[in-house]
Amino acid sequence: MDKWLTDFAYRIEIQWWMFAVAGAVAVAVAFLTVSFQSVKAALANPVKSLRSE
């Protein structure tokens, strides 16, 4: 596999920090999504939710 990849004209080296940044961004997006949904649920009026069911 390594020999096959060395024949390509355009190559880049992926550094370890690129994976760390991608993981941090994914965790941040997940945290923001969960936080937004939690605050939205906490501020919702439970009476309206029960009436619609």
PDB file of N, CA and C in Angstrom:
ATOM      1  N   MET A   1       0.821  -1.186   0.000  1.00  0.00           N
ATOM      2  CA  MET A   1       0.000   0.000   0.000  1.00  0.00           C
ATOM      3  C   MET A   1       0.868   1.253   0.000  1.00  0.00           C
ATOM      4  N   ASP A   2       1.936   1.228   0.767  1.00  0.00           N
ATOM      5  CA  ASP A   2       2.814   2.388   0.844  1.00  0.00           C
ATOM      6  C   ASP A   2       3.456   2.683  -0.506  1.00  0.00           C
ATOM      7  N   LYS A   3       3.876   1.640  -1.227  1.00  0.00           N
ATOM      8  CA  LYS A   3       4.466   1.842  -2.556  1.00  0.00           C
ATOM      9  C   LYS A   3       3.450   2.434  -3.519  1.00  0.00           C
ATOM     10  N   TRP A   4       2.220   1.987  -3.444  1.00  0.00           N
ATOM     11  CA  TRP A   4       1.182   2.496  -4.332  1.00  0.00           C
ATOM     12  C   TRP A   4       0.927   3.976  -4.056  1.00  0.00           C
ATOM     13  N   LEU A   5       0.920   4.353  -2.803  1.00  0.00           N
ATOM     14  CA  LEU A   5       0.664   5.742  -2.453  1.00  0.00           C
ATOM     15  C   LEU A   5       1.818   6.670  -2.811  1.00  0.00           C
ATOM     16  N   THR A   6       3.044   6.168  -2.851  1.00  0.00           N
ATOM     17  CA  THR A   6       4.186   7.024  -3.180  1.00  0.00           C
ATOM     18  C   THR A   6       4.204   7.412  -4.644  1.00  0.00           C
ATOM     19  N   ASP A   7       3.444   6.735  -5.495  1.00  0.00           N
ATOM     20  CA  ASP A   7       3.422   7.057  -6.923  1.00  0.00           C
ATOM     21  C   ASP A   7       2.540   8.254  -7.252  1.00  0.00           C
ATOM     22  N   PHE A   8       1.747   8.732  -6.313  1.00  0.00           N
ATOM     23  CA  PHE A   8       0.885   9.867  -6.593  1.00  0.00           C
ATOM     24  C   PHE A   8       1.700  11.156  -6.677  1.00  0.00           C
ATOM     25  N   ALA A   9       1.306  12.022  -7.602  1.00  0.00           N
ATOM     26  CA  ALA A   9       2.037  13.277  -7.794  1.00  0.00           C
ATOM     27  C   ALA A   9       1.764  14.259  -6.661  1.00  0.00           C
ATOM     28  N   TYR A  10       0.546  14.271  -6.167  1.00  0.00           N
ATOM     29  CA  TYR A  10       0.172  15.223  -5.114  1.00  0.00           C
ATOM     30  C   TYR A  10      -0.023  14.464  -3.806  1.00  0.00           C
ATOM     31  N   ARG A  11       0.788  14.806  -2.832  1.00  0.00           N
ATOM     32  CA  ARG A  11       0.706  14.148  -1.532  1.00  0.00           C
ATOM     33  C   ARG A  11       0.726  15.198  -0.435  1.00  0.00           C
ATOM     34  N   ILE A  12       0.059  14.890   0.639  1.00  0.00           N
ATOM     35  CA  ILE A  12       0.129  15.724   1.836  1.00  0.00           C
ATOM     36  C   ILE A  12       0.368  14.801   3.029  1.00  0.00           C
ATOM     37  N   GLU A  13       0.951  15.366   4.028  1.00  0.00           N
ATOM     38  CA  GLU A  13       1.140  14.607   5.261  1.00  0.00           C
ATOM     39  C   GLU A  13       0.131  15.124   6.277  1.00  0.00           C
ATOM     40  N   ILE A  14      -0.608  14.219   6.854  1.00  0.00           N
ATOM     41  CA  ILE A  14      -1.594  14.595   7.847  1.00  0.00           C
ATOM     42  C   ILE A  14      -0.927  14.545   9.216  1.00  0.00           C
ATOM     43  N   GLN A  15      -0.934  15.673   9.880  1.00  0.00           N
ATOM     44  CA  GLN A  15      -0.312  15.779  11.193  1.00  0.00           C
ATOM     45  C   GLN A  15      -1.287  15.324  12.274  1.00  0.00           C
ATOM     46  N   TRP A  16      -0.767  15.013  13.445  1.00  0.00           N
ATOM     47  CA  TRP A  16      -1.606  14.532  14.542  1.00  0.00           C
ATOM     48  C   TRP A  16      -2.563  15.594  15.032  1.00  0.00           C
ATOM     49  N   TRP A  17      -2.157  16.868  14.950  1.00  0.00           N
ATOM     50  CA  TRP A  17      -3.000  17.927  15.481  1.00  0.00           C
ATOM     51  C   TRP A  17      -4.250  18.136  14.625  1.00  0.00           C
ATOM     52  N   MET A  18      -4.218  17.727  13.379  1.00  0.00           N
ATOM     53  CA  MET A  18      -5.417  17.839  12.539  1.00  0.00           C
ATOM     54  C   MET A  18      -6.533  16.939  13.061  1.00  0.00           C
ATOM     55  N   PHE A  19      -6.171  15.759  13.521  1.00  0.00           N
ATOM     56  CA  PHE A  19      -7.148  14.859  14.125  1.00  0.00           C
ATOM     57  C   PHE A  19      -7.661  15.426  15.449  1.00  0.00           C
ATOM     58  N   ALA A  20      -6.763  16.037  16.211  1.00  0.00           N
ATOM     59  CA  ALA A  20      -7.157  16.630  17.492  1.00  0.00           C
ATOM     60  C   ALA A  20      -8.120  17.797  17.276  1.00  0.00           C
ATOM     61  N   VAL A  21      -7.856  18.630  16.277  1.00  0.00           N
ATOM     62  CA  VAL A  21      -8.743  19.758  15.987  1.00  0.00           C
ATOM     63  C   VAL A  21     -10.098  19.253  15.511  1.00  0.00           C
ATOM     64  N   ALA A  22     -10.108  18.252  14.640  1.00  0.00           N
ATOM     65  CA  ALA A  22     -11.372  17.690  14.144  1.00  0.00           C
ATOM     66  C   ALA A  22     -12.185  17.089  15.295  1.00  0.00           C
ATOM     67  N   GLY A  23     -11.521  16.391  16.197  1.00  0.00           N
ATOM     68  CA  GLY A  23     -12.209  15.820  17.358  1.00  0.00           C
ATOM     69  C   GLY A  23     -12.746  16.893  18.274  1.00  0.00           C
ATOM     70  N   ALA A  24     -11.963  17.950  18.493  1.00  0.00           N
ATOM     71  CA  ALA A  24     -12.409  19.045  19.364  1.00  0.00           C
ATOM     72  C   ALA A  24     -13.603  19.765  18.755  1.00  0.00           C
ATOM     73  N   VAL A  25     -13.596  19.961  17.453  1.00  0.00           N
ATOM     74  CA  VAL A  25     -14.728  20.612  16.788  1.00  0.00           C
ATOM     75  C   VAL A  25     -15.978  19.736  16.905  1.00  0.00           C
ATOM     76  N   ALA A  26     -15.819  18.437  16.713  1.00  0.00           N
ATOM     77  CA  ALA A  26     -16.970  17.525  16.827  1.00  0.00           C
ATOM     78  C   ALA A  26     -17.538  17.534  18.238  1.00  0.00           C
ATOM     79  N   VAL A  27     -16.684  17.531  19.244  1.00  0.00           N
ATOM     80  CA  VAL A  27     -17.140  17.570  20.630  1.00  0.00           C
ATOM     81  C   VAL A  27     -17.818  18.905  20.935  1.00  0.00           C
ATOM     82  N   ALA A  28     -17.275  19.996  20.415  1.00  0.00           N
ATOM     83  CA  ALA A  28     -17.865  21.316  20.645  1.00  0.00           C
ATOM     84  C   ALA A  28     -19.254  21.416  20.011  1.00  0.00           C
ATOM     85  N   VAL A  29     -19.399  20.908  18.794  1.00  0.00           N
ATOM     86  CA  VAL A  29     -20.702  20.941  18.124  1.00  0.00           C
ATOM     87  C   VAL A  29     -21.709  20.093  18.899  1.00  0.00           C
ATOM     88  N   ALA A  30     -21.292  18.924  19.351  1.00  0.00           N
ATOM     89  CA  ALA A  30     -22.191  18.062  20.128  1.00  0.00           C
ATOM     90  C   ALA A  30     -22.575  18.742  21.441  1.00  0.00           C
ATOM     91  N   PHE A  31     -21.626  19.353  22.118  1.00  0.00           N
ATOM     92  CA  PHE A  31     -21.901  20.034  23.385  1.00  0.00           C
ATOM     93  C   PHE A  31     -22.864  21.201  23.191  1.00  0.00           C
ATOM     94  N   LEU A  32     -22.643  21.992  22.142  1.00  0.00           N
ATOM     95  CA  LEU A  32     -23.524  23.120  21.879  1.00  0.00           C
ATOM     96  C   LEU A  32     -24.933  22.652  21.528  1.00  0.00           C
ATOM     97  N   THR A  33     -25.045  21.585  20.775  1.00  0.00           N
ATOM     98  CA  THR A  33     -26.355  21.061  20.401  1.00  0.00           C
ATOM     99  C   THR A  33     -27.116  20.561  21.624  1.00  0.00           C
ATOM    100  N   VAL A  34     -26.445  19.784  22.444  1.00  0.00           N
ATOM    101  CA  VAL A  34     -27.092  19.253  23.654  1.00  0.00           C
ATOM    102  C   VAL A  34     -27.443  20.387  24.608  1.00  0.00           C
ATOM    103  N   SER A  35     -26.563  21.360  24.741  1.00  0.00           N
ATOM    104  CA  SER A  35     -26.840  22.495  25.624  1.00  0.00           C
ATOM    105  C   SER A  35     -28.049  23.284  25.144  1.00  0.00           C
ATOM    106  N   PHE A  36     -28.101  23.545  23.846  1.00  0.00           N
ATOM    107  CA  PHE A  36     -29.233  24.300  23.292  1.00  0.00           C
ATOM    108  C   PHE A  36     -30.545  23.556  23.519  1.00  0.00           C
ATOM    109  N   GLN A  37     -30.555  22.273  23.259  1.00  0.00           N
ATOM    110  CA  GLN A  37     -31.777  21.487  23.444  1.00  0.00           C
ATOM    111  C   GLN A  37     -32.164  21.403  24.918  1.00  0.00           C
ATOM    112  N   SER A  38     -31.197  21.316  25.803  1.00  0.00           N
ATOM    113  CA  SER A  38     -31.491  21.267  27.242  1.00  0.00           C
ATOM    114  C   SER A  38     -32.098  22.564  27.734  1.00  0.00           C
ATOM    115  N   VAL A  39     -31.530  23.686  27.313  1.00  0.00           N
ATOM    116  CA  VAL A  39     -32.069  24.984  27.720  1.00  0.00           C
ATOM    117  C   VAL A  39     -33.459  25.175  27.134  1.00  0.00           C
ATOM    118  N   LYS A  40     -33.645  24.779  25.892  1.00  0.00           N
ATOM    119  CA  LYS A  40     -34.964  24.898  25.253  1.00  0.00           C
ATOM    120  C   LYS A  40     -36.012  24.069  25.998  1.00  0.00           C
ATOM    121  N   ALA A  41     -35.646  22.861  26.413  1.00  0.00           N
ATOM    122  CA  ALA A  41     -36.579  22.005  27.152  1.00  0.00           C
ATOM    123  C   ALA A  41     -36.837  22.552  28.548  1.00  0.00           C
ATOM    124  N   ALA A  42     -35.829  23.129  29.174  1.00  0.00           N
ATOM    125  CA  ALA A  42     -35.999  23.658  30.521  1.00  0.00           C
ATOM    126  C   ALA A  42     -36.893  24.896  30.535  1.00  0.00           C
ATOM    127  N   LEU A  43     -36.849  25.690  29.479  1.00  0.00           N
ATOM    128  CA  LEU A  43     -37.641  26.913  29.428  1.00  0.00           C
ATOM    129  C   LEU A  43     -39.047  26.698  28.872  1.00  0.00           C
ATOM    130  N   ALA A  44     -39.311  25.521  28.335  1.00  0.00           N
ATOM    131  CA  ALA A  44     -40.626  25.253  27.750  1.00  0.00           C
ATOM    132  C   ALA A  44     -41.673  25.127  28.845  1.00  0.00           C
ATOM    133  N   ASN A  45     -42.874  25.482  28.498  1.00  0.00           N
ATOM    134  CA  ASN A  45     -43.988  25.402  29.439  1.00  0.00           C
ATOM    135  C   ASN A  45     -44.520  23.961  29.433  1.00  0.00           C
ATOM    136  N   PRO A  46     -44.463  23.238  30.545  1.00  0.00           N
ATOM    137  CA  PRO A  46     -44.914  21.844  30.548  1.00  0.00           C
ATOM    138  C   PRO A  46     -46.421  21.695  30.335  1.00  0.00           C
ATOM    139  N   VAL A  47     -47.176  22.721  30.666  1.00  0.00           N
ATOM    140  CA  VAL A  47     -48.630  22.640  30.473  1.00  0.00           C
ATOM    141  C   VAL A  47     -48.961  22.540  28.984  1.00  0.00           C
ATOM    142  N   LYS A  48     -48.275  23.319  28.160  1.00  0.00           N
ATOM    143  CA  LYS A  48     -48.516  23.256  26.723  1.00  0.00           C
ATOM    144  C   LYS A  48     -48.136  21.894  26.156  1.00  0.00           C
ATOM    145  N   SER A  49     -47.058  21.331  26.660  1.00  0.00           N
ATOM    146  CA  SER A  49     -46.634  20.013  26.188  1.00  0.00           C
ATOM    147  C   SER A  49     -47.661  18.945  26.554  1.00  0.00           C
ATOM    148  N   LEU A  50     -48.201  19.010  27.766  1.00  0.00           N
ATOM    149  CA  LEU A  50     -49.176  18.021  28.200  1.00  0.00           C
ATOM    150  C   LEU A  50     -50.513  18.177  27.485  1.00  0.00           C
ATOM    151  N   ARG A  51     -50.890  19.400  27.157  1.00  0.00           N
ATOM    152  CA  ARG A  51     -52.151  19.627  26.456  1.00  0.00           C
ATOM    153  C   ARG A  51     -52.110  19.066  25.043  1.00  0.00           C
ATOM    154  N   SER A  52     -50.971  19.161  24.404  1.00  0.00           N
ATOM    155  CA  SER A  52     -50.888  18.724  22.998  1.00  0.00           C
ATOM    156  C   SER A  52     -50.807  17.204  22.872  1.00  0.00           C
ATOM    157  N   GLU A  53     -50.559  16.496  23.943  1.00  0.00           N
ATOM    158  CA  GLU A  53     -50.433  15.037  23.835  1.00  0.00           C
ATOM    159  C   GLU A  53     -51.755  14.345  23.875  1.00  0.00           C
TER     160      GLU A  53
END
